[in-house]
Amino acid sequence: MALQDFNCVLCIGSIEETTFHLFLSCPFAIQCWSWLQVQLDPSLDPFQVFESFKAQIQTPFFMEIIILMCWTIWKARNDMIFRQIGPNLNASKRFFKEELQFLSLRLKRRHLPLFNLWIASLP
């Protein structure tokens, strides 16, 4: 596929879209993670960043949260590319919460009270 450029569509500047950039260092991604009250340390490699997220989230369903936030960021990226809808943190929050509700249908029953409490704690 021939592309005009490889720059991140979520950024104003001309920054190459790498996996690390898109999901961890793009200003939009940083806003999304901050909303989850997860802080990024840019000096860490990606695997260490996700280990840090695990320690900060401290729930048995931390991986699902990380995956859903990455999916949310990916969806915002694709909305910009294919639908010309700019990144919107409030829309991404709504999408993330909707996806969490679907996830709740698959959770083990013993995790549901903690899961519901965690969702209720989101700003």
PDB file of N, CA and C in Angstrom:
ATOM      1  N   MET A   1       0.847  -1.169   0.000  1.00  0.00           N
ATOM      2  CA  MET A   1       0.000   0.000   0.000  1.00  0.00           C
ATOM      3  C   MET A   1       0.895   1.236   0.000  1.00  0.00           C
ATOM      4  N   ALA A   2       0.640   2.111  -0.895  1.00  0.00           N
ATOM      5  CA  ALA A   2       1.388   3.360  -0.964  1.00  0.00           C
ATOM      6  C   ALA A   2       0.688   4.409  -0.108  1.00  0.00           C
ATOM      7  N   LEU A   3       1.423   4.963   0.824  1.00  0.00           N
ATOM      8  CA  LEU A   3       0.880   5.996   1.705  1.00  0.00           C
ATOM      9  C   LEU A   3       1.569   7.319   1.425  1.00  0.00           C
ATOM     10  N   GLN A   4       0.828   8.402   1.647  1.00  0.00           N
ATOM     11  CA  GLN A   4       1.406   9.726   1.435  1.00  0.00           C
ATOM     12  C   GLN A   4       2.517   9.993   2.445  1.00  0.00           C
ATOM     13  N   ASP A   5       2.277   9.595   3.674  1.00  0.00           N
ATOM     14  CA  ASP A   5       3.309   9.732   4.704  1.00  0.00           C
ATOM     15  C   ASP A   5       3.010   8.742   5.821  1.00  0.00           C
ATOM     16  N   PHE A   6       3.882   8.689   6.782  1.00  0.00           N
ATOM     17  CA  PHE A   6       3.745   7.757   7.896  1.00  0.00           C
ATOM     18  C   PHE A   6       3.587   8.502   9.215  1.00  0.00           C
ATOM     19  N   ASN A   7       3.107   9.728   9.133  1.00  0.00           N
ATOM     20  CA  ASN A   7       2.970  10.549  10.323  1.00  0.00           C
ATOM     21  C   ASN A   7       1.702  10.204  11.098  1.00  0.00           C
ATOM     22  N   CYS A   8       1.765  10.420  12.402  1.00  0.00           N
ATOM     23  CA  CYS A   8       0.624  10.175  13.281  1.00  0.00           C
ATOM     24  C   CYS A   8      -0.490  11.169  12.945  1.00  0.00           C
ATOM     25  N   VAL A   9      -1.666  10.652  12.668  1.00  0.00           N
ATOM     26  CA  VAL A   9      -2.794  11.523  12.312  1.00  0.00           C
ATOM     27  C   VAL A   9      -3.426  12.171  13.538  1.00  0.00           C
ATOM     28  N   LEU A  10      -3.073  11.699  14.721  1.00  0.00           N
ATOM     29  CA  LEU A  10      -3.632  12.263  15.947  1.00  0.00           C
ATOM     30  C   LEU A  10      -2.815  13.437  16.468  1.00  0.00           C
ATOM     31  N   CYS A  11      -1.635  13.632  15.907  1.00  0.00           N
ATOM     32  CA  CYS A  11      -0.738  14.716  16.336  1.00  0.00           C
ATOM     33  C   CYS A  11      -0.779  15.869  15.346  1.00  0.00           C
ATOM     34  N   ILE A  12      -0.516  17.048  15.846  1.00  0.00           N
ATOM     35  CA  ILE A  12      -0.451  18.225  14.988  1.00  0.00           C
ATOM     36  C   ILE A  12       0.888  18.268  14.259  1.00  0.00           C
ATOM     37  N   GLY A  13       1.957  17.889  14.948  1.00  0.00           N
ATOM     38  CA  GLY A  13       3.283  17.911  14.349  1.00  0.00           C
ATOM     39  C   GLY A  13       3.521  16.739  13.419  1.00  0.00           C
ATOM     40  N   SER A  14       4.635  16.746  12.759  1.00  0.00           N
ATOM     41  CA  SER A  14       5.005  15.662  11.842  1.00  0.00           C
ATOM     42  C   SER A  14       5.825  14.624  12.601  1.00  0.00           C
ATOM     43  N   ILE A  15       5.125  13.760  13.311  1.00  0.00           N
ATOM     44  CA  ILE A  15       5.782  12.726  14.095  1.00  0.00           C
ATOM     45  C   ILE A  15       5.417  11.379  13.488  1.00  0.00           C
ATOM     46  N   GLU A  16       6.435  10.568  13.213  1.00  0.00           N
ATOM     47  CA  GLU A  16       6.182   9.263  12.608  1.00  0.00           C
ATOM     48  C   GLU A  16       5.350   8.395  13.538  1.00  0.00           C
ATOM     49  N   GLU A  17       4.346   7.737  12.960  1.00  0.00           N
ATOM     50  CA  GLU A  17       3.471   6.865  13.737  1.00  0.00           C
ATOM     51  C   GLU A  17       4.133   5.497  13.896  1.00  0.00           C
ATOM     52  N   THR A  18       4.686   5.279  15.057  1.00  0.00           N
ATOM     53  CA  THR A  18       5.175   3.957  15.424  1.00  0.00           C
ATOM     54  C   THR A  18       4.197   3.393  16.439  1.00  0.00           C
ATOM     55  N   THR A  19       4.307   2.123  16.714  1.00  0.00           N
ATOM     56  CA  THR A  19       3.437   1.523  17.728  1.00  0.00           C
ATOM     57  C   THR A  19       3.643   2.218  19.066  1.00  0.00           C
ATOM     58  N   PHE A  20       4.907   2.440  19.435  1.00  0.00           N
ATOM     59  CA  PHE A  20       5.201   3.100  20.704  1.00  0.00           C
ATOM     60  C   PHE A  20       4.587   4.491  20.724  1.00  0.00           C
ATOM     61  N   HIS A  21       4.773   5.232  19.639  1.00  0.00           N
ATOM     62  CA  HIS A  21       4.228   6.596  19.611  1.00  0.00           C
ATOM     63  C   HIS A  21       2.708   6.585  19.721  1.00  0.00           C
ATOM     64  N   LEU A  22       2.056   5.796  18.863  1.00  0.00           N
ATOM     65  CA  LEU A  22       0.595   5.809  18.808  1.00  0.00           C
ATOM     66  C   LEU A  22      -0.045   5.473  20.146  1.00  0.00           C
ATOM     67  N   PHE A  23       0.436   4.428  20.794  1.00  0.00           N
ATOM     68  CA  PHE A  23      -0.218   3.949  22.010  1.00  0.00           C
ATOM     69  C   PHE A  23       0.353   4.512  23.302  1.00  0.00           C
ATOM     70  N   LEU A  24       1.558   5.078  23.264  1.00  0.00           N
ATOM     71  CA  LEU A  24       2.177   5.486  24.522  1.00  0.00           C
ATOM     72  C   LEU A  24       2.704   6.915  24.568  1.00  0.00           C
ATOM     73  N   SER A  25       3.144   7.470  23.459  1.00  0.00           N
ATOM     74  CA  SER A  25       3.729   8.811  23.565  1.00  0.00           C
ATOM     75  C   SER A  25       2.987   9.887  22.787  1.00  0.00           C
ATOM     76  N   CYS A  26       1.995   9.524  22.016  1.00  0.00           N
ATOM     77  CA  CYS A  26       1.168  10.511  21.324  1.00  0.00           C
ATOM     78  C   CYS A  26       0.418  11.330  22.387  1.00  0.00           C
ATOM     79  N   PRO A  27       0.346  12.639  22.240  1.00  0.00           N
ATOM     80  CA  PRO A  27      -0.374  13.443  23.237  1.00  0.00           C
ATOM     81  C   PRO A  27      -1.808  12.966  23.482  1.00  0.00           C
ATOM     82  N   PHE A  28      -2.493  12.501  22.429  1.00  0.00           N
ATOM     83  CA  PHE A  28      -3.848  11.998  22.619  1.00  0.00           C
ATOM     84  C   PHE A  28      -3.834  10.731  23.480  1.00  0.00           C
ATOM     85  N   ALA A  29      -2.899   9.831  23.215  1.00  0.00           N
ATOM     86  CA  ALA A  29      -2.782   8.598  24.009  1.00  0.00           C
ATOM     87  C   ALA A  29      -2.462   8.941  25.464  1.00  0.00           C
ATOM     88  N   ILE A  30      -1.594   9.896  25.677  1.00  0.00           N
ATOM     89  CA  ILE A  30      -1.238  10.300  27.048  1.00  0.00           C
ATOM     90  C   ILE A  30      -2.468  10.825  27.775  1.00  0.00           C
ATOM     91  N   GLN A  31      -3.318  11.586  27.080  1.00  0.00           N
ATOM     92  CA  GLN A  31      -4.569  12.066  27.682  1.00  0.00           C
ATOM     93  C   GLN A  31      -5.462  10.887  28.068  1.00  0.00           C
ATOM     94  N   CYS A  32      -5.547   9.908  27.179  1.00  0.00           N
ATOM     95  CA  CYS A  32      -6.395   8.734  27.454  1.00  0.00           C
ATOM     96  C   CYS A  32      -5.893   7.978  28.676  1.00  0.00           C
ATOM     97  N   TRP A  33      -4.595   7.735  28.742  1.00  0.00           N
ATOM     98  CA  TRP A  33      -4.038   7.012  29.899  1.00  0.00           C
ATOM     99  C   TRP A  33      -4.192   7.838  31.168  1.00  0.00           C
ATOM    100  N   SER A  34      -4.013   9.141  31.065  1.00  0.00           N
ATOM    101  CA  SER A  34      -4.160  10.010  32.245  1.00  0.00           C
ATOM    102  C   SER A  34      -5.581   9.955  32.780  1.00  0.00           C
ATOM    103  N   TRP A  35      -6.552   9.881  31.885  1.00  0.00           N
ATOM    104  CA  TRP A  35      -7.938   9.761  32.317  1.00  0.00           C
ATOM    105  C   TRP A  35      -8.135   8.508  33.163  1.00  0.00           C
ATOM    106  N   LEU A  36      -7.407   7.451  32.842  1.00  0.00           N
ATOM    107  CA  LEU A  36      -7.466   6.224  33.655  1.00  0.00           C
ATOM    108  C   LEU A  36      -6.609   6.330  34.913  1.00  0.00           C
ATOM    109  N   GLN A  37      -6.025   7.497  35.117  1.00  0.00           N
ATOM    110  CA  GLN A  37      -5.154   7.762  36.260  1.00  0.00           C
ATOM    111  C   GLN A  37      -3.918   6.870  36.234  1.00  0.00           C
ATOM    112  N   VAL A  38      -3.407   6.679  35.022  1.00  0.00           N
ATOM    113  CA  VAL A  38      -2.193   5.897  34.796  1.00  0.00           C
ATOM    114  C   VAL A  38      -1.144   6.859  34.256  1.00  0.00           C
ATOM    115  N   GLN A  39       0.008   6.871  34.895  1.00  0.00           N
ATOM    116  CA  GLN A  39       1.080   7.776  34.489  1.00  0.00           C
ATOM    117  C   GLN A  39       2.115   7.030  33.662  1.00  0.00           C
ATOM    118  N   LEU A  40       2.599   7.690  32.627  1.00  0.00           N
ATOM    119  CA  LEU A  40       3.605   7.132  31.735  1.00  0.00           C
ATOM    120  C   LEU A  40       4.989   7.624  32.111  1.00  0.00           C
ATOM    121  N   ASP A  41       5.957   6.728  32.094  1.00  0.00           N
ATOM    122  CA  ASP A  41       7.355   7.104  32.261  1.00  0.00           C
ATOM    123  C   ASP A  41       8.023   6.932  30.904  1.00  0.00           C
ATOM    124  N   PRO A  42       8.318   8.038  30.206  1.00  0.00           N
ATOM    125  CA  PRO A  42       8.862   7.940  28.847  1.00  0.00           C
ATOM    126  C   PRO A  42      10.250   7.309  28.769  1.00  0.00           C
ATOM    127  N   SER A  43      10.919   7.170  29.893  1.00  0.00           N
ATOM    128  CA  SER A  43      12.252   6.571  29.874  1.00  0.00           C
ATOM    129  C   SER A  43      12.200   5.042  29.818  1.00  0.00           C
ATOM    130  N   LEU A  44      11.019   4.456  30.014  1.00  0.00           N
ATOM    131  CA  LEU A  44      10.883   2.996  30.013  1.00  0.00           C
ATOM    132  C   LEU A  44      10.627   2.472  28.601  1.00  0.00           C
ATOM    133  N   ASP A  45      11.010   1.220  28.371  1.00  0.00           N
ATOM    134  CA  ASP A  45      10.661   0.597  27.096  1.00  0.00           C
ATOM    135  C   ASP A  45       9.200   0.156  27.172  1.00  0.00           C
ATOM    136  N   PRO A  46       8.577  -0.169  26.033  1.00  0.00           N
ATOM    137  CA  PRO A  46       7.132  -0.475  26.035  1.00  0.00           C
ATOM    138  C   PRO A  46       6.722  -1.568  27.019  1.00  0.00           C
ATOM    139  N   PHE A  47       7.500  -2.620  27.129  1.00  0.00           N
ATOM    140  CA  PHE A  47       7.132  -3.695  28.051  1.00  0.00           C
ATOM    141  C   PHE A  47       7.178  -3.225  29.502  1.00  0.00           C
ATOM    142  N   GLN A  48       8.152  -2.390  29.823  1.00  0.00           N
ATOM    143  CA  GLN A  48       8.222  -1.827  31.172  1.00  0.00           C
ATOM    144  C   GLN A  48       7.069  -0.865  31.426  1.00  0.00           C
ATOM    145  N   VAL A  49       6.662  -0.137  30.401  1.00  0.00           N
ATOM    146  CA  VAL A  49       5.518   0.772  30.543  1.00  0.00           C
ATOM    147  C   VAL A  49       4.274  -0.024  30.905  1.00  0.00           C
ATOM    148  N   PHE A  50       4.039  -1.136  30.197  1.00  0.00           N
ATOM    149  CA  PHE A  50       2.852  -1.936  30.488  1.00  0.00           C
ATOM    150  C   PHE A  50       2.947  -2.611  31.856  1.00  0.00           C
ATOM    151  N   GLU A  51       4.139  -2.973  32.280  1.00  0.00           N
ATOM    152  CA  GLU A  51       4.318  -3.489  33.644  1.00  0.00           C
ATOM    153  C   GLU A  51       3.985  -2.398  34.657  1.00  0.00           C
ATOM    154  N   SER A  52       4.385  -1.182  34.342  1.00  0.00           N
ATOM    155  CA  SER A  52       4.065  -0.045  35.203  1.00  0.00           C
ATOM    156  C   SER A  52       2.555   0.172  35.265  1.00  0.00           C
ATOM    157  N   PHE A  53       1.877   0.045  34.117  1.00  0.00           N
ATOM    158  CA  PHE A  53       0.426   0.170  34.091  1.00  0.00           C
ATOM    159  C   PHE A  53      -0.211  -0.893  34.992  1.00  0.00           C
ATOM    160  N   LYS A  54       0.291  -2.110  34.893  1.00  0.00           N
ATOM    161  CA  LYS A  54      -0.230  -3.207  35.712  1.00  0.00           C
ATOM    162  C   LYS A  54      -0.132  -2.855  37.192  1.00  0.00           C
ATOM    163  N   ALA A  55       1.021  -2.330  37.591  1.00  0.00           N
ATOM    164  CA  ALA A  55       1.220  -1.958  38.993  1.00  0.00           C
ATOM    165  C   ALA A  55       0.307  -0.807  39.414  1.00  0.00           C
ATOM    166  N   GLN A  56       0.038   0.111  38.496  1.00  0.00           N
ATOM    167  CA  GLN A  56      -0.801   1.260  38.830  1.00  0.00           C
ATOM    168  C   GLN A  56      -2.286   0.906  38.864  1.00  0.00           C
ATOM    169  N   ILE A  57      -2.716   0.033  37.969  1.00  0.00           N
ATOM    170  CA  ILE A  57      -4.138  -0.320  37.886  1.00  0.00           C
ATOM    171  C   ILE A  57      -4.538  -1.251  39.023  1.00  0.00           C
ATOM    172  N   GLN A  58      -3.688  -2.207  39.350  1.00  0.00           N
ATOM    173  CA  GLN A  58      -3.877  -3.115  40.490  1.00  0.00           C
ATOM    174  C   GLN A  58      -5.260  -3.763  40.549  1.00  0.00           C
ATOM    175  N   THR A  59      -5.654  -4.384  39.458  1.00  0.00           N
ATOM    176  CA  THR A  59      -6.886  -5.163  39.435  1.00  0.00           C
ATOM    177  C   THR A  59      -6.607  -6.472  38.711  1.00  0.00           C
ATOM    178  N   PRO A  60      -7.408  -7.505  38.977  1.00  0.00           N
ATOM    179  CA  PRO A  60      -7.191  -8.768  38.270  1.00  0.00           C
ATOM    180  C   PRO A  60      -7.506  -8.668  36.772  1.00  0.00           C
ATOM    181  N   PHE A  61      -8.180  -7.612  36.363  1.00  0.00           N
ATOM    182  CA  PHE A  61      -8.554  -7.442  34.957  1.00  0.00           C
ATOM    183  C   PHE A  61      -7.766  -6.298  34.315  1.00  0.00           C
ATOM    184  N   PHE A  62      -6.541  -6.066  34.803  1.00  0.00           N
ATOM    185  CA  PHE A  62      -5.702  -4.978  34.301  1.00  0.00           C
ATOM    186  C   PHE A  62      -5.414  -5.124  32.801  1.00  0.00           C
ATOM    187  N   MET A  63      -5.187  -6.361  32.345  1.00  0.00           N
ATOM    188  CA  MET A  63      -4.846  -6.567  30.936  1.00  0.00           C
ATOM    189  C   MET A  63      -6.019  -6.183  30.030  1.00  0.00           C
ATOM    190  N   GLU A  64      -7.212  -6.479  30.460  1.00  0.00           N
ATOM    191  CA  GLU A  64      -8.386  -6.098  29.674  1.00  0.00           C
ATOM    192  C   GLU A  64      -8.498  -4.582  29.563  1.00  0.00           C
ATOM    193  N   ILE A  65      -8.184  -3.889  30.649  1.00  0.00           N
ATOM    194  CA  ILE A  65      -8.226  -2.426  30.650  1.00  0.00           C
ATOM    195  C   ILE A  65      -7.185  -1.874  29.682  1.00  0.00           C
ATOM    196  N   ILE A  66      -5.982  -2.418  29.732  1.00  0.00           N
ATOM    197  CA  ILE A  66      -4.913  -1.959  28.842  1.00  0.00           C
ATOM    198  C   ILE A  66      -5.293  -2.213  27.386  1.00  0.00           C
ATOM    199  N   ILE A  67      -5.786  -3.396  27.105  1.00  0.00           N
ATOM    200  CA  ILE A  67      -6.166  -3.735  25.728  1.00  0.00           C
ATOM    201  C   ILE A  67      -7.303  -2.840  25.242  1.00  0.00           C
ATOM    202  N   LEU A  68      -8.305  -2.613  26.093  1.00  0.00           N
ATOM    203  CA  LEU A  68      -9.425  -1.759  25.681  1.00  0.00           C
ATOM    204  C   LEU A  68      -8.994  -0.315  25.447  1.00  0.00           C
ATOM    205  N   MET A  69      -8.050   0.175  26.229  1.00  0.00           N
ATOM    206  CA  MET A  69      -7.590   1.547  25.986  1.00  0.00           C
ATOM    207  C   MET A  69      -6.803   1.608  24.686  1.00  0.00           C
ATOM    208  N   CYS A  70      -5.997   0.600  24.402  1.00  0.00           N
ATOM    209  CA  CYS A  70      -5.293   0.567  23.114  1.00  0.00           C
ATOM    210  C   CYS A  70      -6.299   0.504  21.963  1.00  0.00           C
ATOM    211  N   TRP A  71      -7.343  -0.289  22.131  1.00  0.00           N
ATOM    212  CA  TRP A  71      -8.399  -0.384  21.116  1.00  0.00           C
ATOM    213  C   TRP A  71      -9.091   0.973  20.940  1.00  0.00           C
ATOM    214  N   THR A  72      -9.314   1.679  22.018  1.00  0.00           N
ATOM    215  CA  THR A  72      -9.939   2.998  21.972  1.00  0.00           C
ATOM    216  C   THR A  72      -9.065   3.988  21.203  1.00  0.00           C
ATOM    217  N   ILE A  73      -7.771   3.966  21.473  1.00  0.00           N
ATOM    218  CA  ILE A  73      -6.831   4.846  20.766  1.00  0.00           C
ATOM    219  C   ILE A  73      -6.794   4.482  19.279  1.00  0.00           C
ATOM    220  N   TRP A  74      -6.754   3.187  18.980  1.00  0.00           N
ATOM    221  CA  TRP A  74      -6.743   2.714  17.593  1.00  0.00           C
ATOM    222  C   TRP A  74      -8.010   3.163  16.864  1.00  0.00           C
ATOM    223  N   LYS A  75      -9.141   3.080  17.535  1.00  0.00           N
ATOM    224  CA  LYS A  75     -10.406   3.497  16.925  1.00  0.00           C
ATOM    225  C   LYS A  75     -10.393   4.998  16.627  1.00  0.00           C
ATOM    226  N   ALA A  76      -9.857   5.794  17.540  1.00  0.00           N
ATOM    227  CA  ALA A  76      -9.758   7.243  17.302  1.00  0.00           C
ATOM    228  C   ALA A  76      -8.873   7.519  16.093  1.00  0.00           C
ATOM    229  N   ARG A  77      -7.783   6.784  15.978  1.00  0.00           N
ATOM    230  CA  ARG A  77      -6.882   6.921  14.830  1.00  0.00           C
ATOM    231  C   ARG A  77      -7.625   6.595  13.537  1.00  0.00           C
ATOM    232  N   ASN A  78      -8.335   5.478  13.519  1.00  0.00           N
ATOM    233  CA  ASN A  78      -9.039   5.068  12.312  1.00  0.00           C
ATOM    234  C   ASN A  78     -10.196   6.004  11.976  1.00  0.00           C
ATOM    235  N   ASP A  79     -10.862   6.543  12.994  1.00  0.00           N
ATOM    236  CA  ASP A  79     -11.915   7.526  12.742  1.00  0.00           C
ATOM    237  C   ASP A  79     -11.347   8.746  12.020  1.00  0.00           C
ATOM    238  N   MET A  80     -10.153   9.141  12.400  1.00  0.00           N
ATOM    239  CA  MET A  80      -9.512  10.286  11.748  1.00  0.00           C
ATOM    240  C   MET A  80      -9.153   9.954  10.300  1.00  0.00           C
ATOM    241  N   ILE A  81      -8.603   8.777  10.078  1.00  0.00           N
ATOM    242  CA  ILE A  81      -8.166   8.397   8.733  1.00  0.00           C
ATOM    243  C   ILE A  81      -9.347   8.143   7.803  1.00  0.00           C
ATOM    244  N   PHE A  82     -10.305   7.348   8.260  1.00  0.00           N
ATOM    245  CA  PHE A  82     -11.351   6.870   7.363  1.00  0.00           C
ATOM    246  C   PHE A  82     -12.648   7.680   7.395  1.00  0.00           C
ATOM    247  N   ARG A  83     -12.863   8.427   8.481  1.00  0.00           N
ATOM    248  CA  ARG A  83     -14.120   9.175   8.591  1.00  0.00           C
ATOM    249  C   ARG A  83     -13.898  10.672   8.782  1.00  0.00           C
ATOM    250  N   GLN A  84     -12.630  11.086   8.838  1.00  0.00           N
ATOM    251  CA  GLN A  84     -12.248  12.489   9.044  1.00  0.00           C
ATOM    252  C   GLN A  84     -12.874  13.057  10.318  1.00  0.00           C
ATOM    253  N   ILE A  85     -12.950  12.212  11.357  1.00  0.00           N
ATOM    254  CA  ILE A  85     -13.430  12.648  12.669  1.00  0.00           C
ATOM    255  C   ILE A  85     -12.207  12.800  13.559  1.00  0.00           C
ATOM    256  N   GLY A  86     -11.957  14.030  13.993  1.00  0.00           N
ATOM    257  CA  GLY A  86     -10.786  14.304  14.813  1.00  0.00           C
ATOM    258  C   GLY A  86     -10.846  13.610  16.165  1.00  0.00           C
ATOM    259  N   PRO A  87      -9.693  13.414  16.781  1.00  0.00           N
ATOM    260  CA  PRO A  87      -9.666  12.756  18.088  1.00  0.00           C
ATOM    261  C   PRO A  87     -10.403  13.587  19.127  1.00  0.00           C
ATOM    262  N   ASN A  88     -11.223  12.922  19.908  1.00  0.00           N
ATOM    263  CA  ASN A  88     -12.033  13.593  20.910  1.00  0.00           C
ATOM    264  C   ASN A  88     -11.989  12.759  22.178  1.00  0.00           C
ATOM    265  N   LEU A  89     -11.444  13.322  23.240  1.00  0.00           N
ATOM    266  CA  LEU A  89     -11.283  12.574  24.483  1.00  0.00           C
ATOM    267  C   LEU A  89     -12.625  12.152  25.062  1.00  0.00           C
ATOM    268  N   ASN A  90     -13.624  13.026  25.022  1.00  0.00           N
ATOM    269  CA  ASN A  90     -14.934  12.667  25.572  1.00  0.00           C
ATOM    270  C   ASN A  90     -15.581  11.521  24.802  1.00  0.00           C
ATOM    271  N   ALA A  91     -15.468  11.540  23.483  1.00  0.00           N
ATOM    272  CA  ALA A  91     -16.005  10.440  22.677  1.00  0.00           C
ATOM    273  C   ALA A  91     -15.254   9.150  22.978  1.00  0.00           C
ATOM    274  N   SER A  92     -13.961   9.254  23.174  1.00  0.00           N
ATOM    275  CA  SER A  92     -13.156   8.070  23.493  1.00  0.00           C
ATOM    276  C   SER A  92     -13.507   7.521  24.874  1.00  0.00           C
ATOM    277  N   LYS A  93     -13.792   8.392  25.808  1.00  0.00           N
ATOM    278  CA  LYS A  93     -14.222   7.946  27.139  1.00  0.00           C
ATOM    279  C   LYS A  93     -15.526   7.157  27.041  1.00  0.00           C
ATOM    280  N   ARG A  94     -16.475   7.697  26.270  1.00  0.00           N
ATOM    281  CA  ARG A  94     -17.759   7.001  26.099  1.00  0.00           C
ATOM    282  C   ARG A  94     -17.556   5.641  25.449  1.00  0.00           C
ATOM    283  N   PHE A  95     -16.740   5.586  24.400  1.00  0.00           N
ATOM    284  CA  PHE A  95     -16.480   4.332  23.714  1.00  0.00           C
ATOM    285  C   PHE A  95     -15.831   3.328  24.668  1.00  0.00           C
ATOM    286  N   PHE A  96     -14.846   3.773  25.431  1.00  0.00           N
ATOM    287  CA  PHE A  96     -14.153   2.906  26.382  1.00  0.00           C
ATOM    288  C   PHE A  96     -15.137   2.328  27.407  1.00  0.00           C
ATOM    289  N   LYS A  97     -15.996   3.181  27.940  1.00  0.00           N
ATOM    290  CA  LYS A  97     -16.975   2.716  28.929  1.00  0.00           C
ATOM    291  C   LYS A  97     -17.975   1.734  28.313  1.00  0.00           C
ATOM    292  N   GLU A  98     -18.382   1.984  27.081  1.00  0.00           N
ATOM    293  CA  GLU A  98     -19.291   1.049  26.398  1.00  0.00           C
ATOM    294  C   GLU A  98     -18.622  -0.315  26.228  1.00  0.00           C
ATOM    295  N   GLU A  99     -17.370  -0.304  25.819  1.00  0.00           N
ATOM    296  CA  GLU A  99     -16.641  -1.559  25.638  1.00  0.00           C
ATOM    297  C   GLU A  99     -16.445  -2.276  26.975  1.00  0.00           C
ATOM    298  N   LEU A 100     -16.261  -1.508  28.040  1.00  0.00           N
ATOM    299  CA  LEU A 100     -16.147  -2.120  29.373  1.00  0.00           C
ATOM    300  C   LEU A 100     -17.435  -2.844  29.754  1.00  0.00           C
ATOM    301  N   GLN A 101     -18.562  -2.271  29.383  1.00  0.00           N
ATOM    302  CA  GLN A 101     -19.833  -2.921  29.689  1.00  0.00           C
ATOM    303  C   GLN A 101     -19.946  -4.266  28.971  1.00  0.00           C
ATOM    304  N   PHE A 102     -19.480  -4.329  27.735  1.00  0.00           N
ATOM    305  CA  PHE A 102     -19.467  -5.612  27.022  1.00  0.00           C
ATOM    306  C   PHE A 102     -18.525  -6.596  27.713  1.00  0.00           C
ATOM    307  N   LEU A 103     -17.405  -6.077  28.161  1.00  0.00           N
ATOM    308  CA  LEU A 103     -16.434  -6.927  28.853  1.00  0.00           C
ATOM    309  C   LEU A 103     -17.028  -7.509  30.132  1.00  0.00           C
ATOM    310  N   SER A 104     -17.861  -6.754  30.793  1.00  0.00           N
ATOM    311  CA  SER A 104     -18.437  -7.226  32.052  1.00  0.00           C
ATOM    312  C   SER A 104     -19.240  -8.513  31.859  1.00  0.00           C
ATOM    313  N   LEU A 105     -19.735  -8.735  30.654  1.00  0.00           N
ATOM    314  CA  LEU A 105     -20.495  -9.947  30.369  1.00  0.00           C
ATOM    315  C   LEU A 105     -19.610 -11.195  30.362  1.00  0.00           C
ATOM    316  N   ARG A 106     -18.312 -11.000  30.188  1.00  0.00           N
ATOM    317  CA  ARG A 106     -17.385 -12.122  30.119  1.00  0.00           C
ATOM    318  C   ARG A 106     -16.572 -12.325  31.391  1.00  0.00           C
ATOM    319  N   LEU A 107     -16.656 -11.401  32.305  1.00  0.00           N
ATOM    320  CA  LEU A 107     -15.863 -11.489  33.538  1.00  0.00           C
ATOM    321  C   LEU A 107     -16.354 -12.605  34.442  1.00  0.00           C
ATOM    322  N   LYS A 108     -15.424 -13.121  35.216  1.00  0.00           N
ATOM    323  CA  LYS A 108     -15.807 -14.088  36.246  1.00  0.00           C
ATOM    324  C   LYS A 108     -16.667 -13.362  37.271  1.00  0.00           C
ATOM    325  N   ARG A 109     -17.668 -14.030  37.744  1.00  0.00           N
ATOM    326  CA  ARG A 109     -18.626 -13.416  38.683  1.00  0.00           C
ATOM    327  C   ARG A 109     -17.930 -12.820  39.910  1.00  0.00           C
ATOM    328  N   ARG A 110     -16.887 -13.461  40.367  1.00  0.00           N
ATOM    329  CA  ARG A 110     -16.210 -12.969  41.576  1.00  0.00           C
ATOM    330  C   ARG A 110     -15.529 -11.618  41.358  1.00  0.00           C
ATOM    331  N   HIS A 111     -15.244 -11.272  40.079  1.00  0.00           N
ATOM    332  CA  HIS A 111     -14.596  -9.991  39.783  1.00  0.00           C
ATOM    333  C   HIS A 111     -15.590  -8.861  39.529  1.00  0.00           C
ATOM    334  N   LEU A 112     -16.869  -9.190  39.372  1.00  0.00           N
ATOM    335  CA  LEU A 112     -17.858  -8.158  39.019  1.00  0.00           C
ATOM    336  C   LEU A 112     -17.974  -7.019  40.033  1.00  0.00           C
ATOM    337  N   PRO A 113     -18.024  -7.294  41.347  1.00  0.00           N
ATOM    338  CA  PRO A 113     -18.121  -6.159  42.277  1.00  0.00           C
ATOM    339  C   PRO A 113     -16.933  -5.200  42.158  1.00  0.00           C
ATOM    340  N   LEU A 114     -15.721  -5.741  42.074  1.00  0.00           N
ATOM    341  CA  LEU A 114     -14.535  -4.900  41.936  1.00  0.00           C
ATOM    342  C   LEU A 114     -14.553  -4.176  40.590  1.00  0.00           C
ATOM    343  N   PHE A 115     -14.980  -4.864  39.556  1.00  0.00           N
ATOM    344  CA  PHE A 115     -15.071  -4.281  38.219  1.00  0.00           C
ATOM    345  C   PHE A 115     -16.043  -3.101  38.211  1.00  0.00           C
ATOM    346  N   ASN A 116     -17.218  -3.291  38.773  1.00  0.00           N
ATOM    347  CA  ASN A 116     -18.216  -2.218  38.832  1.00  0.00           C
ATOM    348  C   ASN A 116     -17.733  -1.043  39.671  1.00  0.00           C
ATOM    349  N   LEU A 117     -17.039  -1.342  40.743  1.00  0.00           N
ATOM    350  CA  LEU A 117     -16.453  -0.285  41.580  1.00  0.00           C
ATOM    351  C   LEU A 117     -15.402   0.483  40.804  1.00  0.00           C
ATOM    352  N   TRP A 118     -14.576  -0.236  40.047  1.00  0.00           N
ATOM    353  CA  TRP A 118     -13.532   0.415  39.259  1.00  0.00           C
ATOM    354  C   TRP A 118     -14.151   1.330  38.203  1.00  0.00           C
ATOM    355  N   ILE A 119     -15.180   0.847  37.514  1.00  0.00           N
ATOM    356  CA  ILE A 119     -15.854   1.672  36.499  1.00  0.00           C
ATOM    357  C   ILE A 119     -16.458   2.918  37.147  1.00  0.00           C
ATOM    358  N   ALA A 120     -17.079   2.747  38.298  1.00  0.00           N
ATOM    359  CA  ALA A 120     -17.709   3.876  38.994  1.00  0.00           C
ATOM    360  C   ALA A 120     -16.674   4.912  39.424  1.00  0.00           C
ATOM    361  N   SER A 121     -15.416   4.498  39.611  1.00  0.00           N
ATOM    362  CA  SER A 121     -14.364   5.423  40.045  1.00  0.00           C
ATOM    363  C   SER A 121     -13.807   6.272  38.916  1.00  0.00           C
ATOM    364  N   LEU A 122     -14.155   5.928  37.679  1.00  0.00           N
ATOM    365  CA  LEU A 122     -13.638   6.715  36.543  1.00  0.00           C
ATOM    366  C   LEU A 122     -14.254   8.104  36.558  1.00  0.00           C
ATOM    367  N   PRO A 123     -13.415   9.120  36.299  1.00  0.00           N
ATOM    368  CA  PRO A 123     -13.957  10.487  36.286  1.00  0.00           C
ATOM    369  C   PRO A 123     -14.911  10.726  35.134  1.00  0.00           C
TER     370      PRO A 123
END
